[in-house]
Protein backbone atom coordinates (compact mmCIF):
# COMPACT_ATOMS: atom_id res chain seq x y z
CA MET A 1 87.75 6.52 49.41
CA ASN A 2 86.08 7.59 52.68
CA GLU A 3 82.73 6.48 51.27
CA TYR A 4 84.09 2.93 51.46
CA TYR A 5 86.13 2.90 54.69
CA PHE A 6 84.08 5.23 56.89
CA PRO A 7 80.89 3.08 57.00
CA ARG A 8 82.97 -0.04 57.69
CA ARG A 9 84.78 1.65 60.59
CA CYS A 10 81.46 2.94 61.97
CA ALA A 11 79.99 -0.57 61.92
CA LEU A 12 83.11 -1.93 63.63
CA TYR A 13 83.02 0.73 66.37
CA GLN A 14 79.30 0.18 66.92
CA LYS A 15 79.87 -3.53 67.37
CA THR A 16 82.95 -3.04 69.59
CA TYR A 17 81.52 -0.29 71.83
CA GLN A 18 77.91 -1.39 72.27
CA GLU A 19 77.58 0.63 75.50
CA LEU A 20 77.88 3.89 73.50
CA THR A 21 75.21 5.57 71.41
CA PHE A 22 76.66 6.82 68.15
CA ILE A 23 75.04 9.66 66.22
CA GLY A 24 75.68 11.30 62.88
CA GLY A 25 77.49 9.29 60.28
CA ASN A 26 77.54 12.28 57.95
CA ARG A 27 80.30 13.71 55.81
CA LYS A 28 81.17 17.21 57.03
CA TYR A 29 81.37 19.29 53.85
CA ASP A 30 78.09 18.31 52.16
CA TRP A 31 76.31 16.57 55.06
CA ALA A 32 75.70 13.40 53.02
CA GLN A 33 74.91 10.42 55.24
CA LEU A 34 77.59 7.76 54.83
CA HIS A 35 76.46 5.47 57.66
CA ASP A 36 73.14 5.07 59.47
CA PHE A 37 73.66 4.34 63.17
CA GLY A 38 69.97 3.50 63.58
CA THR A 39 69.33 6.16 66.22
CA GLY A 40 65.79 6.77 65.00
CA GLY A 41 66.41 10.02 63.18
CA ILE A 42 67.36 12.11 66.22
CA PRO A 43 67.71 15.67 64.86
CA LEU A 44 71.30 16.89 64.98
CA HIS A 45 71.98 20.65 64.98
CA GLN A 46 75.49 22.06 64.76
CA TRP A 47 76.15 25.54 66.08
CA VAL A 48 79.77 25.51 65.01
CA SER A 49 81.83 27.98 63.00
CA SER A 50 82.65 25.60 60.17
CA MET A 51 78.94 24.92 59.51
CA ASP A 52 77.82 28.58 59.55
CA SER A 53 77.93 29.81 55.96
CA ALA A 54 77.33 33.39 57.18
CA ALA A 55 80.48 33.35 59.35
CA PRO A 56 83.46 35.24 57.92
CA TRP A 57 86.42 33.09 56.88
CA TRP A 58 88.48 34.06 59.93
CA GLN A 59 85.74 32.86 62.32
CA ARG A 60 85.67 29.51 60.54
CA LEU A 61 89.42 29.20 61.09
CA LEU A 62 89.27 30.43 64.71
CA PRO A 63 86.33 28.60 66.32
CA ARG A 64 86.93 30.09 69.79
CA LEU A 65 86.35 33.59 68.43
CA TYR A 66 83.23 32.42 66.63
CA ALA A 67 81.96 30.83 69.85
CA ARG A 68 82.67 33.98 71.87
CA LYS A 69 80.71 36.10 69.40
CA HIS A 70 77.78 33.75 68.57
CA ASN A 71 77.18 31.23 71.37
CA ALA A 72 74.81 33.41 73.43
CA ALA A 73 72.48 33.84 70.45
CA ASN A 74 72.94 30.21 69.34
CA LEU A 75 72.02 28.94 72.82
CA GLN A 76 68.75 30.86 72.55
CA ALA A 77 68.09 29.27 69.14
CA THR A 78 68.62 25.63 70.14
CA GLN A 79 66.10 23.15 68.82
CA PRO A 80 64.79 19.77 69.99
CA GLY A 81 67.31 17.01 69.41
CA ILE A 82 71.06 17.12 69.85
CA ASN A 83 72.73 20.54 69.65
CA LEU A 84 76.50 20.65 69.17
CA PHE A 85 78.68 23.72 69.91
CA ASP A 86 82.36 24.51 69.32
CA TYR A 87 82.93 25.83 72.86
CA ILE A 88 80.60 26.60 75.75
């Protein structure tokens, strides 16, 4: 169902809010791209608990604890592009 409505909403928001630059357009659980915002393939890196398969289950449910434990190392590992964090 989201594969149908999500791209349509993205296109609507892009048209409505032309002063904003949208990125992503990916489904969270398998990272499949559902909408292309045409941002030229800017690399997007997520340093968040829910995307770290090595994080224990409780850190995925409590992102502040994950951030407290991992953000210092993740900040050192940032890469060119856009880097997203749970909490700074």
